[in-house]
Protein backbone atom coordinates (compact mmCIF):
# COMPACT_ATOMS: atom_id res chain seq x y z
CA MET A 1 37.81 -5.00 22.91
CA ASN A 2 36.24 -3.00 20.11
CA ASP A 3 34.76 0.29 21.36
CA GLN A 4 33.25 1.20 18.00
CA THR A 5 29.58 0.57 17.50
CA PRO A 6 28.53 -0.51 14.03
CA GLU A 7 26.63 2.00 11.96
CA PRO A 8 22.96 1.18 11.45
CA PRO A 9 21.96 0.24 7.92
CA PRO A 10 20.54 3.07 5.81
CA PRO A 11 16.76 3.39 6.10
CA ARG A 12 14.79 1.52 3.47
CA PRO A 13 12.08 3.42 1.65
CA ASN A 14 8.57 2.49 2.69
CA THR A 15 7.02 0.21 0.15
CA VAL A 16 3.34 -0.42 -0.32
CA THR A 17 1.70 -3.36 -2.04
CA CYS A 18 -1.56 -3.33 -3.97
CA THR A 19 -4.00 -5.51 -2.08
CA ARG A 20 -5.65 -6.65 -5.31
CA CYS A 21 -2.82 -7.43 -7.78
CA GLY A 22 0.35 -7.36 -5.65
CA ARG A 23 2.10 -4.50 -7.46
CA THR A 24 4.60 -2.69 -5.21
CA ALA A 25 5.76 0.92 -5.12
CA GLU A 26 8.11 3.01 -3.02
CA GLY A 27 6.13 5.28 -0.74
CA VAL A 28 2.46 5.81 -1.49
CA PRO A 29 2.01 7.17 -5.03
CA LEU A 30 -0.57 9.94 -5.35
CA THR A 31 -2.47 7.90 -7.93
CA TRP A 32 -3.10 4.96 -5.55
CA THR A 33 -6.26 4.58 -3.47
CA CYS A 34 -6.31 3.84 0.25
CA SER A 35 -9.22 2.11 1.93
CA VAL A 36 -9.81 1.14 5.56
CA GLU A 37 -11.78 -2.09 5.89
CA ASN A 38 -12.42 -3.68 9.28
CA GLY A 39 -9.71 -1.50 10.81
CA THR A 40 -7.07 -2.55 8.26
CA ARG A 41 -5.56 -0.07 5.80
CA LEU A 42 -5.54 -1.40 2.23
CA TYR A 43 -3.86 0.14 -0.81
CA PHE A 44 -4.92 -0.29 -4.44
CA CYS A 45 -2.79 0.66 -7.45
CA GLU A 46 -4.22 3.02 -10.04
CA THR A 47 -5.06 0.18 -12.45
CA CYS A 48 -7.07 -1.76 -9.86
CA ALA A 49 -8.66 1.43 -8.53
CA ARG A 50 -9.80 2.48 -12.02
CA THR A 51 -11.13 -0.98 -12.80
CA HIS A 52 -13.22 -1.07 -9.62
CA LEU A 53 -14.05 2.64 -9.31
CA ARG A 54 -17.83 2.16 -9.02
CA ALA A 55 -17.46 -0.40 -6.24
CA ILE A 56 -15.01 1.85 -4.39
CA GLU A 57 -17.33 4.86 -4.69
CA SER A 58 -20.22 2.69 -3.45
CA ARG A 59 -18.07 1.85 -0.41
CA LEU A 60 -18.28 -1.88 -1.03
CA ASP A 61 -15.63 -3.93 0.73
CA SER A 62 -12.95 -5.21 -1.63
CA SER A 63 -14.10 -8.78 -1.00
CA TRP A 64 -17.24 -7.94 -3.04
CA TRP A 65 -15.25 -6.93 -6.12
């Protein structure tokens, strides 16, 4: 009988995915935008956020842009 318990795998860094284009990043970069739509948290990379800045500032849901 083996009394040793296996070591858990090292923790993986949290990755986020841009809701618009699918780009991924480790953690949440400071240049990304976060939006809560219908109770769901959505992340947008800096390229998508800059492209749709007016719609984001107007608080339009991402489905509109």
